[in-house]
Amino acid sequence: MTASNGDESTSSRSERMKEAARRRILDQAEAERIPVEETTRAVPDRRWRRGR
């Protein structure tokens, strides 16, 4: 039974670490997110060359 308890605690610890890492990544992505209002639409170069 002790081996089972050891495996269980290791498994739950790794699950908690994975969840913490996932939350950190999501928090960082949210912090770096640029609101749509602050972005501009990219225009291909050939559109500008056509008039020349």
PDB file of N, CA and C in Angstrom:
ATOM      1  N   MET A   1       0.811  -1.209   0.000  1.00  0.00           N
ATOM      2  CA  MET A   1       0.000   0.000   0.000  1.00  0.00           C
ATOM      3  C   MET A   1       0.848   1.265   0.000  1.00  0.00           C
ATOM      4  N   THR A   2       2.021   1.201   0.588  1.00  0.00           N
ATOM      5  CA  THR A   2       2.855   2.403   0.606  1.00  0.00           C
ATOM      6  C   THR A   2       3.293   2.791  -0.797  1.00  0.00           C
ATOM      7  N   ALA A   3       3.558   1.807  -1.666  1.00  0.00           N
ATOM      8  CA  ALA A   3       3.944   2.118  -3.040  1.00  0.00           C
ATOM      9  C   ALA A   3       2.792   2.810  -3.761  1.00  0.00           C
ATOM     10  N   SER A   4       1.584   2.349  -3.503  1.00  0.00           N
ATOM     11  CA  SER A   4       0.416   2.965  -4.123  1.00  0.00           C
ATOM     12  C   SER A   4       0.269   4.411  -3.668  1.00  0.00           C
ATOM     13  N   ASN A   5       0.443   4.654  -2.396  1.00  0.00           N
ATOM     14  CA  ASN A   5       0.339   6.024  -1.885  1.00  0.00           C
ATOM     15  C   ASN A   5       1.449   6.897  -2.451  1.00  0.00           C
ATOM     16  N   GLY A   6       2.645   6.361  -2.597  1.00  0.00           N
ATOM     17  CA  GLY A   6       3.751   7.114  -3.164  1.00  0.00           C
ATOM     18  C   GLY A   6       3.487   7.486  -4.604  1.00  0.00           C
ATOM     19  N   ASP A   7       2.978   6.550  -5.384  1.00  0.00           N
ATOM     20  CA  ASP A   7       2.640   6.837  -6.778  1.00  0.00           C
ATOM     21  C   ASP A   7       1.551   7.886  -6.873  1.00  0.00           C
ATOM     22  N   GLU A   8       0.582   7.775  -5.993  1.00  0.00           N
ATOM     23  CA  GLU A   8      -0.544   8.708  -6.028  1.00  0.00           C
ATOM     24  C   GLU A   8      -0.084  10.131  -5.714  1.00  0.00           C
ATOM     25  N   SER A   9       0.772  10.296  -4.697  1.00  0.00           N
ATOM     26  CA  SER A   9       1.225  11.638  -4.339  1.00  0.00           C
ATOM     27  C   SER A   9       2.118  12.215  -5.443  1.00  0.00           C
ATOM     28  N   THR A  10       2.945  11.383  -6.059  1.00  0.00           N
ATOM     29  CA  THR A  10       3.787  11.853  -7.161  1.00  0.00           C
ATOM     30  C   THR A  10       2.921  12.273  -8.336  1.00  0.00           C
ATOM     31  N   SER A  11       1.902  11.460  -8.630  1.00  0.00           N
ATOM     32  CA  SER A  11       1.004  11.764  -9.740  1.00  0.00           C
ATOM     33  C   SER A  11       0.245  13.061  -9.482  1.00  0.00           C
ATOM     34  N   SER A  12      -0.302  13.217  -8.283  1.00  0.00           N
ATOM     35  CA  SER A  12      -1.066  14.438  -8.009  1.00  0.00           C
ATOM     36  C   SER A  12      -0.151  15.659  -7.973  1.00  0.00           C
ATOM     37  N   ARG A  13       1.089  15.477  -7.513  1.00  0.00           N
ATOM     38  CA  ARG A  13       2.040  16.598  -7.501  1.00  0.00           C
ATOM     39  C   ARG A  13       2.361  17.025  -8.925  1.00  0.00           C
ATOM     40  N   SER A  14       2.582  16.061  -9.817  1.00  0.00           N
ATOM     41  CA  SER A  14       2.891  16.420 -11.199  1.00  0.00           C
ATOM     42  C   SER A  14       1.679  17.060 -11.873  1.00  0.00           C
ATOM     43  N   GLU A  15       0.480  16.604 -11.532  1.00  0.00           N
ATOM     44  CA  GLU A  15      -0.730  17.228 -12.084  1.00  0.00           C
ATOM     45  C   GLU A  15      -0.849  18.676 -11.615  1.00  0.00           C
ATOM     46  N   ARG A  16      -0.548  18.928 -10.359  1.00  0.00           N
ATOM     47  CA  ARG A  16      -0.599  20.310  -9.831  1.00  0.00           C
ATOM     48  C   ARG A  16       0.439  21.180 -10.523  1.00  0.00           C
ATOM     49  N   MET A  17       1.626  20.616 -10.774  1.00  0.00           N
ATOM     50  CA  MET A  17       2.676  21.378 -11.458  1.00  0.00           C
ATOM     51  C   MET A  17       2.258  21.702 -12.892  1.00  0.00           C
ATOM     52  N   LYS A  18       1.651  20.727 -13.573  1.00  0.00           N
ATOM     53  CA  LYS A  18       1.179  20.963 -14.931  1.00  0.00           C
ATOM     54  C   LYS A  18       0.105  22.041 -14.957  1.00  0.00           C
ATOM     55  N   GLU A  19      -0.811  21.987 -14.010  1.00  0.00           N
ATOM     56  CA  GLU A  19      -1.881  22.981 -13.942  1.00  0.00           C
ATOM     57  C   GLU A  19      -1.306  24.367 -13.654  1.00  0.00           C
ATOM     58  N   ALA A  20      -0.344  24.448 -12.752  1.00  0.00           N
ATOM     59  CA  ALA A  20       0.281  25.737 -12.432  1.00  0.00           C
ATOM     60  C   ALA A  20       1.000  26.299 -13.655  1.00  0.00           C
ATOM     61  N   ALA A  21       1.701  25.432 -14.384  1.00  0.00           N
ATOM     62  CA  ALA A  21       2.408  25.880 -15.597  1.00  0.00           C
ATOM     63  C   ALA A  21       1.412  26.354 -16.639  1.00  0.00           C
ATOM     64  N   ARG A  22       0.318  25.624 -16.791  1.00  0.00           N
ATOM     65  CA  ARG A  22      -0.711  26.007 -17.765  1.00  0.00           C
ATOM     66  C   ARG A  22      -1.292  27.377 -17.420  1.00  0.00           C
ATOM     67  N   ARG A  23      -1.544  27.596 -16.138  1.00  0.00           N
ATOM     68  CA  ARG A  23      -2.093  28.898 -15.725  1.00  0.00           C
ATOM     69  C   ARG A  23      -1.108  30.028 -15.967  1.00  0.00           C
ATOM     70  N   ARG A  24       0.189  29.763 -15.699  1.00  0.00           N
ATOM     71  CA  ARG A  24       1.206  30.799 -15.947  1.00  0.00           C
ATOM     72  C   ARG A  24       1.250  31.158 -17.424  1.00  0.00           C
ATOM     73  N   ILE A  25       1.195  30.151 -18.276  1.00  0.00           N
ATOM     74  CA  ILE A  25       1.230  30.407 -19.721  1.00  0.00           C
ATOM     75  C   ILE A  25       0.011  31.205 -20.153  1.00  0.00           C
ATOM     76  N   LEU A  26      -1.166  30.836 -19.662  1.00  0.00           N
ATOM     77  CA  LEU A  26      -2.383  31.564 -20.026  1.00  0.00           C
ATOM     78  C   LEU A  26      -2.352  32.996 -19.495  1.00  0.00           C
ATOM     79  N   ASP A  27      -1.858  33.178 -18.269  1.00  0.00           N
ATOM     80  CA  ASP A  27      -1.747  34.528 -17.708  1.00  0.00           C
ATOM     81  C   ASP A  27      -0.788  35.383 -18.528  1.00  0.00           C
ATOM     82  N   GLN A  28       0.330  34.794 -18.949  1.00  0.00           N
ATOM     83  CA  GLN A  28       1.297  35.542 -19.764  1.00  0.00           C
ATOM     84  C   GLN A  28       0.701  35.893 -21.115  1.00  0.00           C
ATOM     85  N   ALA A  29       0.001  34.956 -21.725  1.00  0.00           N
ATOM     86  CA  ALA A  29      -0.621  35.221 -23.025  1.00  0.00           C
ATOM     87  C   ALA A  29      -1.660  36.337 -22.913  1.00  0.00           C
ATOM     88  N   GLU A  30      -2.426  36.338 -21.848  1.00  0.00           N
ATOM     89  CA  GLU A  30      -3.425  37.390 -21.644  1.00  0.00           C
ATOM     90  C   GLU A  30      -2.745  38.735 -21.432  1.00  0.00           C
ATOM     91  N   ALA A  31      -1.638  38.747 -20.699  1.00  0.00           N
ATOM     92  CA  ALA A  31      -0.924  39.998 -20.442  1.00  0.00           C
ATOM     93  C   ALA A  31      -0.330  40.567 -21.730  1.00  0.00           C
ATOM     94  N   GLU A  32       0.078  39.696 -22.660  1.00  0.00           N
ATOM     95  CA  GLU A  32       0.703  40.152 -23.901  1.00  0.00           C
ATOM     96  C   GLU A  32      -0.311  40.387 -25.022  1.00  0.00           C
ATOM     97  N   ARG A  33      -1.563  40.075 -24.767  1.00  0.00           N
ATOM     98  CA  ARG A  33      -2.598  40.204 -25.801  1.00  0.00           C
ATOM     99  C   ARG A  33      -2.786  41.668 -26.188  1.00  0.00           C
ATOM    100  N   ILE A  34      -2.899  41.924 -27.474  1.00  0.00           N
ATOM    101  CA  ILE A  34      -3.108  43.280 -27.976  1.00  0.00           C
ATOM    102  C   ILE A  34      -4.581  43.420 -28.347  1.00  0.00           C
ATOM    103  N   PRO A  35      -5.278  44.397 -27.773  1.00  0.00           N
ATOM    104  CA  PRO A  35      -6.688  44.587 -28.123  1.00  0.00           C
ATOM    105  C   PRO A  35      -6.869  44.849 -29.614  1.00  0.00           C
ATOM    106  N   VAL A  36      -7.975  44.404 -30.167  1.00  0.00           N
ATOM    107  CA  VAL A  36      -8.238  44.556 -31.602  1.00  0.00           C
ATOM    108  C   VAL A  36      -8.177  46.020 -32.016  1.00  0.00           C
ATOM    109  N   GLU A  37      -8.633  46.901 -31.160  1.00  0.00           N
ATOM    110  CA  GLU A  37      -8.670  48.328 -31.493  1.00  0.00           C
ATOM    111  C   GLU A  37      -7.266  48.894 -31.722  1.00  0.00           C
ATOM    112  N   GLU A  38      -6.250  48.265 -31.151  1.00  0.00           N
ATOM    113  CA  GLU A  38      -4.885  48.784 -31.265  1.00  0.00           C
ATOM    114  C   GLU A  38      -4.109  48.147 -32.410  1.00  0.00           C
ATOM    115  N   THR A  39      -4.735  47.277 -33.169  1.00  0.00           N
ATOM    116  CA  THR A  39      -4.037  46.637 -34.283  1.00  0.00           C
ATOM    117  C   THR A  39      -4.423  47.314 -35.589  1.00  0.00           C
ATOM    118  N   THR A  40      -3.579  47.144 -36.584  1.00  0.00           N
ATOM    119  CA  THR A  40      -3.890  47.668 -37.917  1.00  0.00           C
ATOM    120  C   THR A  40      -3.884  46.516 -38.892  1.00  0.00           C
ATOM    121  N   ARG A  41      -4.583  46.663 -39.980  1.00  0.00           N
ATOM    122  CA  ARG A  41      -4.659  45.606 -40.985  1.00  0.00           C
ATOM    123  C   ARG A  41      -3.464  45.734 -41.919  1.00  0.00           C
ATOM    124  N   ALA A  42      -2.783  44.630 -42.128  1.00  0.00           N
ATOM    125  CA  ALA A  42      -1.642  44.626 -43.042  1.00  0.00           C
ATOM    126  C   ALA A  42      -2.147  44.650 -44.476  1.00  0.00           C
ATOM    127  N   VAL A  43      -1.507  45.462 -45.305  1.00  0.00           N
ATOM    128  CA  VAL A  43      -1.889  45.572 -46.710  1.00  0.00           C
ATOM    129  C   VAL A  43      -0.739  45.022 -47.542  1.00  0.00           C
ATOM    130  N   PRO A  44      -1.011  44.081 -48.441  1.00  0.00           N
ATOM    131  CA  PRO A  44       0.070  43.526 -49.269  1.00  0.00           C
ATOM    132  C   PRO A  44       0.737  44.601 -50.123  1.00  0.00           C
ATOM    133  N   ASP A  45       2.021  44.467 -50.335  1.00  0.00           N
ATOM    134  CA  ASP A  45       2.785  45.442 -51.125  1.00  0.00           C
ATOM    135  C   ASP A  45       2.226  45.598 -52.536  1.00  0.00           C
ATOM    136  N   ARG A  46       1.795  44.507 -53.149  1.00  0.00           N
ATOM    137  CA  ARG A  46       1.359  44.598 -54.543  1.00  0.00           C
ATOM    138  C   ARG A  46       0.159  45.549 -54.721  1.00  0.00           C
ATOM    139  N   ARG A  47      -0.623  45.766 -53.685  1.00  0.00           N
ATOM    140  CA  ARG A  47      -1.732  46.704 -53.786  1.00  0.00           C
ATOM    141  C   ARG A  47      -1.215  48.124 -54.044  1.00  0.00           C
ATOM    142  N   TRP A  48      -0.116  48.438 -53.375  1.00  0.00           N
ATOM    143  CA  TRP A  48       0.452  49.785 -53.537  1.00  0.00           C
ATOM    144  C   TRP A  48       1.190  49.919 -54.870  1.00  0.00           C
ATOM    145  N   ARG A  49       1.777  48.840 -55.352  1.00  0.00           N
ATOM    146  CA  ARG A  49       2.543  48.891 -56.600  1.00  0.00           C
ATOM    147  C   ARG A  49       1.636  49.004 -57.814  1.00  0.00           C
ATOM    148  N   ARG A  50       0.410  48.543 -57.685  1.00  0.00           N
ATOM    149  CA  ARG A  50      -0.490  48.514 -58.834  1.00  0.00           C
ATOM    150  C   ARG A  50      -0.728  49.904 -59.429  1.00  0.00           C
ATOM    151  N   GLY A  51      -0.811  50.919 -58.586  1.00  0.00           N
ATOM    152  CA  GLY A  51      -1.096  52.265 -59.062  1.00  0.00           C
ATOM    153  C   GLY A  51       0.092  52.947 -59.719  1.00  0.00           C
ATOM    154  N   ARG A  52       1.274  52.397 -59.606  1.00  0.00           N
ATOM    155  CA  ARG A  52       2.465  53.071 -60.148  1.00  0.00           C
ATOM    156  C   ARG A  52       2.746  52.727 -61.563  1.00  0.00           C
TER     157      ARG A  52
END
